[in-house]
Amino acid sequence: MNRPANAAGVCLDVQTLINDRPLSRYQWRVVILCFLIVFLDGLDTAAMGFIAPALSQEWGIDRASLGPVMSAALIGMVFGALGSGPLADRFGRKLVLVGAVLVFGGFSLASAYSGNVDQLLILRFLTGLGLGAGMPNATTLLSEYTPERFRSLLVTSMFCGFNLGMAGGGFMSAKLIPAFGWHSLLLLGGVLPLLLAVVLMIWLPESARYLVVRNKAVEKIRRTLAPIDPEQVARAERFSVPEQRTVKASNVLAVIFSGTYRAGTLLLWLTYFMGLVIVYLLTSWLPTLMRDSGASLEQAAFIGALFQFGGVLSAVGVGWAMDRFNPHKVIATFYLLAGVFAYAVGQSLGNITLLATLVLIAGMCVNGAQSAMPSLAARFYPTQGRATGVSWMLGIGRFGAILGAWMGATLLGLGWNFEQVLTALVVPAVLATVALLIKSRVSHADAT
């Protein structure tokens, strides 16, 4: 490609280029592909909660015996998230994303052919490795292709694909499982990701910001950025990102635990942990609690899906508010309301319409807040450690998901009723709220 003679030495700031241009078709492709990754991630993550009643009945096991299986994928997600972030910061976002989708698709497909609890437990753990790697790196890649003025809106809109996938799993299970058995949902959750992985190999670009901070060849960076603004990119001889001038650590863990980011890192972990206690206790056990309360299998699956669908309804609004107001206070408000409505759900047993409405609102609050947390983390960390920062928040947070699923089995085993289990969720909601309000005071700045 011929460039003007006077272009020598021109350095183009990648984020300035993205900020100054309207969103291109190329960037919309990244949005759609990342949305699809997260959608299928959500579908596979929630699958066990929806198949548990039918699985328990077919295999003749009690619900407490499914506790380890419920937690197996979540444990795998911890290792998948913790391992994938440093890998993505070292080897690239695209490579890790394609690998993640192949892993959770392949092992979800294998899970459909499990013959006993032990086989299913192992396969769900392996599925979780891919699930844990997918979401944080999709968040990271998309945040590095979006303008700052509506980054939170786009990232949370993408992330609501996770809630939509979880809700879709509920709606589909209500039709598939009675007709084809519990295997059908896992089969669907395996085939679709494998097809998507092929699409990602062809059409998903690598992060240009990643290429810059890893000092990749200028021509490779130019080819990656050219679809956004061909003329301006063609004139550039060098590329930069703002944090190259302020972040010197080369070790990604040193970046997220440096003095600038340490307090914020720990508070993000605590917030996400507590939010997932709420989400996964309800995701894993709400259909079973509903069945114990006299609801039909179809009603239990439908109301469980409403909880996830609530996050779809609220995620865009939360992202819009984050781009205009203090993002920490916006998310903290939603966590606090989640505790209030979780308590209200526990008081509404006996009125199916009111129960469904309150479950939807509770889902809007807690899933809306959870959908916004990866965006908050992506804003907070610099490119050199962004994938690690986001993925470690999600990975450490997964211990909250494990605790939530385990708490459901334990509390039910102790004889707690529907009202008592839901009331207990007020505690993690308040702790998440307080953690975010503290972060807004001590570690609130975004990376440029």
Protein backbone atom coordinates (compact mmCIF):
# COMPACT_ATOMS: atom_id res chain seq x y z
CA MET A 1 0.00 0.00 0.00
CA ASN A 2 1.46 3.40 -0.97
CA ARG A 3 1.49 6.09 1.68
CA PRO A 4 2.16 9.82 1.29
CA ALA A 5 5.79 10.85 1.61
CA ASN A 6 4.95 13.26 4.44
CA ALA A 7 3.49 10.44 6.54
CA ALA A 8 6.86 9.44 8.00
CA GLY A 9 6.78 9.37 11.78
CA VAL A 10 3.00 9.76 12.10
CA CYS A 11 1.84 8.00 15.29
CA LEU A 12 -1.84 7.10 15.58
CA ASP A 13 -3.44 6.59 18.98
CA VAL A 14 -5.73 3.57 18.58
CA GLN A 15 -8.28 4.66 21.19
CA THR A 16 -8.45 8.17 19.75
CA LEU A 17 -9.16 6.68 16.33
CA ILE A 18 -11.99 4.56 17.78
CA ASN A 19 -13.37 7.45 19.84
CA ASP A 20 -13.45 9.88 16.92
CA ARG A 21 -15.27 7.63 14.46
CA PRO A 22 -18.85 6.38 14.37
CA LEU A 23 -19.22 2.66 15.00
CA SER A 24 -18.35 0.84 11.78
CA ARG A 25 -19.84 -2.37 10.37
CA TYR A 26 -16.56 -4.03 11.33
CA GLN A 27 -17.05 -3.07 14.98
CA TRP A 28 -20.69 -4.13 14.89
CA ARG A 29 -19.48 -7.53 13.73
CA VAL A 30 -17.34 -7.76 16.88
CA VAL A 31 -20.39 -6.80 18.98
CA ILE A 32 -22.56 -9.50 17.39
CA LEU A 33 -19.95 -12.26 17.59
CA CYS A 34 -19.14 -11.49 21.22
CA PHE A 35 -22.87 -11.42 21.98
CA LEU A 36 -23.26 -14.89 20.47
CA ILE A 37 -20.33 -16.24 22.52
CA VAL A 38 -21.85 -14.93 25.73
CA PHE A 39 -25.37 -16.11 24.75
CA LEU A 40 -24.21 -19.70 24.31
CA ASP A 41 -22.09 -19.40 27.45
CA GLY A 42 -25.24 -18.52 29.38
CA LEU A 43 -27.27 -21.33 27.83
CA ASP A 44 -24.69 -23.96 28.79
CA THR A 45 -24.08 -22.48 32.24
CA ALA A 46 -27.75 -22.65 33.23
CA ALA A 47 -28.46 -26.04 31.68
CA MET A 48 -28.02 -28.09 34.85
CA GLY A 49 -30.53 -26.01 36.79
CA PHE A 50 -33.20 -26.66 34.17
CA ILE A 51 -32.51 -30.37 33.65
CA ALA A 52 -32.10 -31.16 37.37
CA PRO A 53 -35.76 -32.07 38.11
CA ALA A 54 -36.02 -34.41 35.09
CA LEU A 55 -32.55 -35.85 35.71
CA SER A 56 -33.34 -36.53 39.37
CA GLN A 57 -36.55 -38.29 38.40
CA GLU A 58 -35.00 -40.41 35.61
CA TRP A 59 -31.93 -41.51 37.58
CA GLY A 60 -33.83 -41.93 40.85
CA ILE A 61 -31.55 -39.69 42.93
CA ASP A 62 -32.44 -37.02 45.46
CA ARG A 63 -31.82 -33.35 44.79
CA ALA A 64 -29.00 -33.09 47.36
CA SER A 65 -27.01 -35.63 45.33
CA LEU A 66 -27.02 -33.19 42.42
CA GLY A 67 -25.23 -30.52 44.46
CA PRO A 68 -21.71 -31.60 43.33
CA VAL A 69 -22.87 -31.78 39.70
CA MET A 70 -24.41 -28.30 39.98
CA SER A 71 -21.07 -27.00 41.26
CA ALA A 72 -18.79 -28.93 38.88
CA ALA A 73 -19.09 -26.54 35.94
CA LEU A 74 -18.75 -23.59 38.29
CA ILE A 75 -15.47 -24.98 39.65
CA GLY A 76 -14.27 -25.48 36.09
CA MET A 77 -15.26 -21.88 35.33
CA VAL A 78 -12.99 -20.66 38.12
CA PHE A 79 -9.95 -22.36 36.58
CA GLY A 80 -11.03 -21.38 33.07
CA ALA A 81 -11.32 -17.72 34.00
CA LEU A 82 -8.15 -17.53 36.10
CA GLY A 83 -6.08 -19.26 33.45
CA SER A 84 -7.52 -17.60 30.36
CA GLY A 85 -6.91 -13.98 31.34
CA PRO A 86 -3.11 -14.19 31.49
CA LEU A 87 -3.15 -16.36 28.35
CA ALA A 88 -5.22 -13.75 26.48
CA ASP A 89 -2.94 -10.92 27.63
CA ARG A 90 0.05 -12.95 26.37
CA PHE A 91 -1.18 -14.77 23.25
CA GLY A 92 -4.22 -12.76 22.17
CA ARG A 93 -7.96 -12.48 22.78
CA LYS A 94 -9.06 -14.28 19.60
CA LEU A 95 -7.05 -17.47 20.14
CA VAL A 96 -8.39 -17.88 23.67
CA LEU A 97 -11.97 -17.13 22.63
CA VAL A 98 -12.01 -19.69 19.82
CA GLY A 99 -10.46 -22.29 22.11
CA ALA A 100 -12.99 -21.55 24.86
CA VAL A 101 -15.98 -22.00 22.55
CA LEU A 102 -14.60 -25.28 21.20
CA VAL A 103 -14.04 -26.60 24.72
CA PHE A 104 -17.45 -25.79 26.20
CA GLY A 105 -19.27 -26.87 23.05
CA GLY A 106 -17.45 -30.18 22.80
CA PHE A 107 -17.84 -31.17 26.44
CA SER A 108 -21.46 -30.03 26.61
CA LEU A 109 -22.15 -32.37 23.70
CA ALA A 110 -20.36 -35.18 25.52
CA SER A 111 -22.34 -34.44 28.71
CA ALA A 112 -25.56 -35.32 26.92
CA TYR A 113 -24.37 -38.94 26.76
CA SER A 114 -23.51 -39.26 30.47
CA GLY A 115 -24.66 -42.52 32.02
CA ASN A 116 -24.24 -41.69 35.70
CA VAL A 117 -23.56 -38.87 38.14
CA ASP A 118 -19.77 -39.39 38.19
CA GLN A 119 -19.47 -39.12 34.41
CA LEU A 120 -21.68 -36.05 34.32
CA LEU A 121 -19.69 -34.40 37.12
CA ILE A 122 -16.38 -34.77 35.23
CA LEU A 123 -17.81 -33.62 31.91
CA ARG A 124 -19.50 -30.59 33.49
CA PHE A 125 -16.19 -29.62 35.09
CA LEU A 126 -14.47 -29.77 31.70
CA THR A 127 -17.34 -27.80 30.14
CA GLY A 128 -16.79 -25.17 32.82
CA LEU A 129 -13.18 -24.63 31.74
CA GLY A 130 -14.42 -23.29 28.41
CA LEU A 131 -17.34 -21.39 29.92
CA GLY A 132 -15.03 -19.61 32.35
CA ALA A 133 -12.69 -18.52 29.56
CA GLY A 134 -15.35 -17.27 27.16
CA MET A 135 -17.15 -14.46 28.93
CA PRO A 136 -14.25 -12.37 30.33
CA ASN A 137 -12.33 -12.41 27.06
CA ALA A 138 -15.40 -11.51 25.00
CA THR A 139 -15.87 -8.57 27.37
CA THR A 140 -12.23 -7.57 27.01
CA LEU A 141 -12.18 -7.78 23.22
CA LEU A 142 -15.38 -5.80 22.80
CA SER A 143 -14.31 -3.08 25.25
CA GLU A 144 -11.15 -2.59 23.18
CA TYR A 145 -13.17 -1.96 20.02
CA THR A 146 -15.73 0.49 21.43
CA PRO A 147 -15.66 4.29 21.82
CA GLU A 148 -15.43 5.52 25.41
CA ARG A 149 -18.65 7.55 25.08
CA PHE A 150 -20.84 4.46 25.00
CA ARG A 151 -18.50 1.65 26.00
CA SER A 152 -20.53 0.60 29.04
CA LEU A 153 -23.76 0.59 27.03
CA LEU A 154 -22.33 -1.73 24.38
CA VAL A 155 -20.51 -4.04 26.79
CA THR A 156 -23.51 -4.47 29.10
CA SER A 157 -25.76 -4.95 26.07
CA MET A 158 -23.44 -7.71 24.90
CA PHE A 159 -23.27 -9.16 28.38
CA CYS A 160 -27.06 -9.39 28.59
CA GLY A 161 -26.63 -12.14 26.02
CA PHE A 162 -25.54 -14.26 29.00
CA ASN A 163 -28.85 -13.66 30.75
CA LEU A 164 -30.72 -14.14 27.50
CA GLY A 165 -28.91 -17.45 26.99
CA MET A 166 -29.82 -18.57 30.50
CA ALA A 167 -33.41 -17.48 30.00
CA GLY A 168 -33.48 -19.12 26.57
CA GLY A 169 -32.34 -22.34 28.21
CA GLY A 170 -35.35 -22.18 30.50
CA PHE A 171 -37.85 -21.43 27.75
CA MET A 172 -36.38 -24.13 25.51
CA SER A 173 -36.19 -26.69 28.32
CA ALA A 174 -39.88 -26.23 29.02
CA LYS A 175 -40.53 -27.50 25.48
CA LEU A 176 -37.58 -29.80 24.82
CA ILE A 177 -37.31 -31.81 28.05
CA PRO A 178 -40.94 -33.02 28.25
CA ALA A 179 -40.77 -34.04 24.57
CA PHE A 180 -37.18 -35.32 24.15
CA GLY A 181 -35.72 -35.76 27.62
CA TRP A 182 -33.00 -33.94 29.55
CA HIS A 183 -30.32 -34.89 26.98
CA SER A 184 -31.83 -32.55 24.40
CA LEU A 185 -30.83 -29.31 26.12
CA LEU A 186 -27.19 -30.44 26.46
CA LEU A 187 -27.12 -31.55 22.82
CA LEU A 188 -28.31 -28.13 21.71
CA GLY A 189 -25.75 -26.47 24.01
CA GLY A 190 -23.00 -28.50 22.35
CA VAL A 191 -23.77 -28.26 18.66
CA LEU A 192 -24.38 -24.50 18.52
CA PRO A 193 -20.99 -23.48 20.04
CA LEU A 194 -19.10 -25.81 17.70
CA LEU A 195 -20.75 -24.13 14.73
CA LEU A 196 -19.99 -20.70 16.18
CA ALA A 197 -16.30 -21.57 16.65
CA VAL A 198 -15.95 -22.00 12.89
CA VAL A 199 -17.49 -18.56 12.33
CA LEU A 200 -15.14 -17.00 14.89
CA MET A 201 -12.07 -18.43 13.18
CA ILE A 202 -13.05 -16.65 9.97
CA TRP A 203 -14.62 -13.35 11.04
CA LEU A 204 -13.50 -12.42 14.55
CA PRO A 205 -10.56 -9.94 14.52
CA GLU A 206 -7.81 -9.70 17.11
CA SER A 207 -7.75 -6.68 19.42
CA ALA A 208 -5.75 -3.84 17.87
CA ARG A 209 -4.92 -2.48 21.32
CA TYR A 210 -3.48 -5.87 22.26
CA LEU A 211 -1.37 -5.92 19.09
CA VAL A 212 0.04 -2.49 19.94
CA VAL A 213 1.01 -3.22 23.55
CA ARG A 214 2.57 -6.55 22.48
CA ASN A 215 4.64 -4.70 19.85
CA LYS A 216 3.31 -6.69 16.90
CA ALA A 217 4.24 -5.72 13.33
CA VAL A 218 2.91 -2.37 12.16
CA GLU A 219 1.45 -3.92 9.01
CA LYS A 220 -0.55 -6.40 11.09
CA ILE A 221 -1.96 -3.59 13.23
CA ARG A 222 -2.72 -1.59 10.08
CA ARG A 223 -4.66 -4.48 8.52
CA THR A 224 -6.63 -4.96 11.75
CA LEU A 225 -7.62 -1.29 12.03
CA ALA A 226 -8.10 -0.49 8.33
CA PRO A 227 -11.85 -1.34 8.19
CA ILE A 228 -12.54 1.40 10.77
CA ASP A 229 -10.89 4.25 8.81
CA PRO A 230 -8.76 3.10 5.84
CA GLU A 231 -7.31 6.52 4.93
CA GLN A 232 -6.25 7.58 8.41
CA VAL A 233 -4.83 4.16 9.25
CA ALA A 234 -2.88 4.04 5.96
CA ARG A 235 -1.11 7.31 6.86
CA ALA A 236 0.14 6.01 10.22
CA GLU A 237 3.72 4.78 10.59
CA ARG A 238 3.36 3.88 14.28
CA PHE A 239 0.50 3.07 16.65
CA SER A 240 0.06 3.64 20.38
CA VAL A 241 -2.44 3.34 23.20
CA PRO A 242 -2.62 5.88 26.07
CA GLU A 243 -1.62 3.56 28.92
CA GLN A 244 1.72 2.71 27.26
CA ARG A 245 2.94 5.95 28.76
CA THR A 246 1.72 5.23 32.32
CA VAL A 247 1.78 1.44 32.85
CA LYS A 248 5.27 -0.01 32.91
CA ALA A 249 4.82 -3.46 34.51
CA SER A 250 5.12 -6.32 32.05
CA ASN A 251 3.73 -9.02 34.38
CA VAL A 252 -0.05 -8.93 34.11
CA LEU A 253 -0.59 -9.87 37.76
CA ALA A 254 1.79 -7.10 38.79
CA VAL A 255 -0.42 -4.68 36.86
CA ILE A 256 -3.71 -5.58 38.58
CA PHE A 257 -2.06 -5.72 42.03
CA SER A 258 -0.03 -2.54 41.64
CA GLY A 259 -0.65 0.33 44.03
CA THR A 260 -2.95 1.99 41.50
CA TYR A 261 -5.25 -1.00 41.12
CA ARG A 262 -4.88 -3.19 44.24
CA ALA A 263 -7.77 -1.87 46.35
CA GLY A 264 -10.09 -1.70 43.37
CA THR A 265 -9.19 -5.26 42.39
CA LEU A 266 -10.13 -6.65 45.81
CA LEU A 267 -13.38 -4.67 45.99
CA LEU A 268 -14.40 -5.79 42.49
CA TRP A 269 -13.79 -9.40 43.55
CA LEU A 270 -15.93 -9.03 46.67
CA THR A 271 -18.78 -7.37 44.79
CA TYR A 272 -18.90 -9.92 42.00
CA PHE A 273 -18.58 -12.80 44.49
CA MET A 274 -21.62 -11.65 46.45
CA GLY A 275 -23.66 -11.01 43.34
CA LEU A 276 -23.03 -14.54 42.10
CA VAL A 277 -24.08 -16.02 45.45
CA ILE A 278 -27.52 -14.55 44.72
CA VAL A 279 -27.62 -15.40 41.02
CA TYR A 280 -26.54 -19.02 41.30
CA LEU A 281 -28.57 -19.94 44.33
CA LEU A 282 -31.65 -18.80 42.44
CA THR A 283 -30.53 -20.13 39.04
CA SER A 284 -29.67 -23.57 40.43
CA TRP A 285 -32.54 -24.04 42.85
CA LEU A 286 -35.46 -21.75 41.96
CA PRO A 287 -37.06 -24.34 39.62
CA THR A 288 -36.71 -27.01 42.34
CA LEU A 289 -38.08 -24.66 45.02
CA MET A 290 -41.00 -23.91 42.74
CA ARG A 291 -41.69 -27.61 42.22
CA ASP A 292 -41.64 -28.18 45.97
CA SER A 293 -44.16 -25.35 46.33
CA GLY A 294 -46.63 -27.12 44.04
CA ALA A 295 -45.83 -25.57 40.63
CA SER A 296 -45.84 -27.76 37.53
CA LEU A 297 -42.59 -28.58 35.71
CA GLU A 298 -43.51 -26.10 32.96
CA GLN A 299 -44.35 -23.32 35.48
CA ALA A 300 -41.13 -23.90 37.41
CA ALA A 301 -39.02 -23.71 34.23
CA PHE A 302 -40.89 -20.62 33.00
CA ILE A 303 -40.50 -18.67 36.26
CA GLY A 304 -36.84 -19.68 36.47
CA ALA A 305 -36.39 -18.31 32.97
CA LEU A 306 -38.10 -15.05 33.96
CA PHE A 307 -35.39 -14.48 36.55
CA GLN A 308 -32.73 -14.57 33.82
CA PHE A 309 -34.84 -12.63 31.34
CA GLY A 310 -35.06 -9.77 33.84
CA GLY A 311 -31.36 -9.13 33.28
CA VAL A 312 -31.96 -8.78 29.56
CA LEU A 313 -34.56 -6.08 30.20
CA SER A 314 -32.33 -4.07 32.55
CA ALA A 315 -28.80 -4.47 31.16
CA VAL A 316 -29.11 -1.80 28.47
CA GLY A 317 -30.54 0.70 30.96
CA VAL A 318 -27.74 0.02 33.44
CA GLY A 319 -25.09 0.49 30.73
CA TRP A 320 -26.71 3.73 29.55
CA ALA A 321 -26.76 5.07 33.12
CA MET A 322 -23.12 4.06 33.70
CA ASP A 323 -21.98 6.19 30.75
CA ARG A 324 -23.78 9.24 32.22
CA PHE A 325 -23.60 8.95 36.01
CA ASN A 326 -21.27 7.51 38.65
CA PRO A 327 -21.12 3.86 37.52
CA HIS A 328 -20.36 2.56 41.01
CA LYS A 329 -23.47 4.16 42.52
CA VAL A 330 -25.63 3.00 39.62
CA ILE A 331 -24.63 -0.66 40.08
CA ALA A 332 -24.75 -0.43 43.90
CA THR A 333 -28.36 0.76 43.71
CA PHE A 334 -29.32 -2.28 41.65
CA TYR A 335 -27.65 -4.66 44.11
CA LEU A 336 -29.53 -3.10 47.02
CA LEU A 337 -32.84 -3.39 45.17
CA ALA A 338 -32.00 -7.03 44.37
CA GLY A 339 -31.94 -7.80 48.10
CA VAL A 340 -35.25 -6.04 48.64
CA PHE A 341 -37.01 -7.93 45.84
CA ALA A 342 -35.43 -11.29 46.73
CA TYR A 343 -37.02 -10.89 50.17
CA ALA A 344 -40.33 -9.92 48.53
CA VAL A 345 -40.23 -13.05 46.34
CA GLY A 346 -39.98 -15.15 49.49
CA GLN A 347 -43.15 -13.53 50.84
CA SER A 348 -45.23 -14.08 47.69
CA LEU A 349 -45.69 -17.85 47.74
CA GLY A 350 -49.25 -18.82 46.87
CA ASN A 351 -49.90 -16.13 44.28
CA ILE A 352 -48.32 -17.36 41.06
CA THR A 353 -48.83 -14.09 39.14
CA LEU A 354 -47.30 -11.94 41.88
CA LEU A 355 -44.49 -14.45 42.32
CA ALA A 356 -43.65 -14.39 38.61
CA THR A 357 -43.69 -10.57 38.57
CA LEU A 358 -41.40 -10.26 41.59
CA VAL A 359 -39.01 -12.89 40.23
CA LEU A 360 -38.78 -10.88 37.00
CA ILE A 361 -38.03 -7.64 38.91
CA ALA A 362 -35.47 -9.36 41.17
CA GLY A 363 -33.81 -10.71 38.03
CA MET A 364 -33.76 -7.23 36.51
CA CYS A 365 -31.95 -5.90 39.57
CA VAL A 366 -29.33 -8.55 40.31
CA ASN A 367 -28.66 -9.68 36.74
CA GLY A 368 -28.56 -6.08 35.56
CA ALA A 369 -25.92 -5.35 38.19
CA GLN A 370 -23.93 -8.48 37.37
CA SER A 371 -24.07 -7.67 33.65
CA ALA A 372 -22.52 -4.29 34.38
CA MET A 373 -19.62 -5.55 36.49
CA PRO A 374 -17.40 -6.79 33.61
CA SER A 375 -17.84 -3.42 31.93
CA LEU A 376 -16.83 -1.66 35.15
CA ALA A 377 -13.73 -3.85 35.38
CA ALA A 378 -12.85 -3.35 31.70
CA ARG A 379 -13.01 0.43 32.21
CA PHE A 380 -10.84 0.19 35.31
CA TYR A 381 -7.88 -1.84 33.99
CA PRO A 382 -5.32 -0.87 31.29
CA THR A 383 -4.81 -2.92 28.11
CA GLN A 384 -1.69 -4.63 29.49
CA GLY A 385 -3.73 -6.32 32.21
CA ARG A 386 -7.33 -5.89 31.08
CA ALA A 387 -8.06 -9.52 30.17
CA THR A 388 -6.45 -10.68 33.41
CA GLY A 389 -8.29 -8.10 35.51
CA VAL A 390 -11.69 -8.92 34.03
CA SER A 391 -11.16 -12.69 34.01
CA TRP A 392 -9.80 -12.82 37.55
CA MET A 393 -12.78 -10.84 38.82
CA LEU A 394 -15.07 -13.34 37.11
CA GLY A 395 -12.91 -16.27 38.24
CA ILE A 396 -12.75 -15.30 41.90
CA GLY A 397 -16.42 -14.39 41.70
CA ARG A 398 -17.17 -17.96 40.60
CA PHE A 399 -16.43 -19.07 44.15
CA GLY A 400 -19.56 -17.10 44.98
CA ALA A 401 -21.43 -19.08 42.34
CA ILE A 402 -20.14 -22.33 43.87
CA LEU A 403 -21.17 -21.10 47.32
CA GLY A 404 -24.62 -20.11 46.03
CA ALA A 405 -25.27 -23.51 44.44
CA TRP A 406 -23.90 -25.29 47.53
CA MET A 407 -25.94 -23.09 49.89
CA GLY A 408 -29.13 -24.04 48.08
CA ALA A 409 -28.44 -27.76 48.53
CA THR A 410 -27.35 -27.29 52.15
CA LEU A 411 -30.22 -25.06 53.23
CA LEU A 412 -32.79 -27.33 51.60
CA GLY A 413 -31.12 -30.32 53.25
CA LEU A 414 -31.47 -28.56 56.61
CA GLY A 415 -35.18 -28.14 55.99
CA TRP A 416 -35.25 -24.44 55.17
CA ASN A 417 -38.36 -23.39 53.29
CA PHE A 418 -38.84 -21.14 50.26
CA GLU A 419 -39.27 -17.98 52.36
CA GLN A 420 -36.21 -18.57 54.53
CA VAL A 421 -33.88 -19.29 51.60
CA LEU A 422 -34.92 -16.11 49.78
CA THR A 423 -34.63 -13.95 52.91
CA ALA A 424 -31.02 -15.08 53.40
CA LEU A 425 -30.10 -13.44 50.08
CA VAL A 426 -30.47 -9.97 51.60
CA VAL A 427 -27.04 -10.40 53.24
CA PRO A 428 -24.91 -10.80 50.06
CA ALA A 429 -26.93 -8.03 48.37
CA VAL A 430 -26.03 -5.55 51.13
CA LEU A 431 -22.35 -6.61 51.13
CA ALA A 432 -22.11 -6.09 47.34
CA THR A 433 -23.67 -2.65 47.70
CA VAL A 434 -21.24 -1.58 50.43
CA ALA A 435 -18.18 -2.88 48.54
CA LEU A 436 -19.04 -0.83 45.45
CA LEU A 437 -19.69 2.33 47.45
CA ILE A 438 -16.28 1.96 49.10
CA LYS A 439 -14.62 1.47 45.70
CA SER A 440 -16.30 4.63 44.42
CA ARG A 441 -14.45 6.53 47.16
CA VAL A 442 -11.01 4.88 47.16
CA SER A 443 -10.39 3.50 43.67
CA HIS A 444 -12.79 4.97 41.13
CA ALA A 445 -10.62 6.18 38.23
CA ASP A 446 -10.86 4.54 34.79
CA ALA A 447 -7.82 3.62 32.69
CA THR A 448 -7.54 5.95 29.69
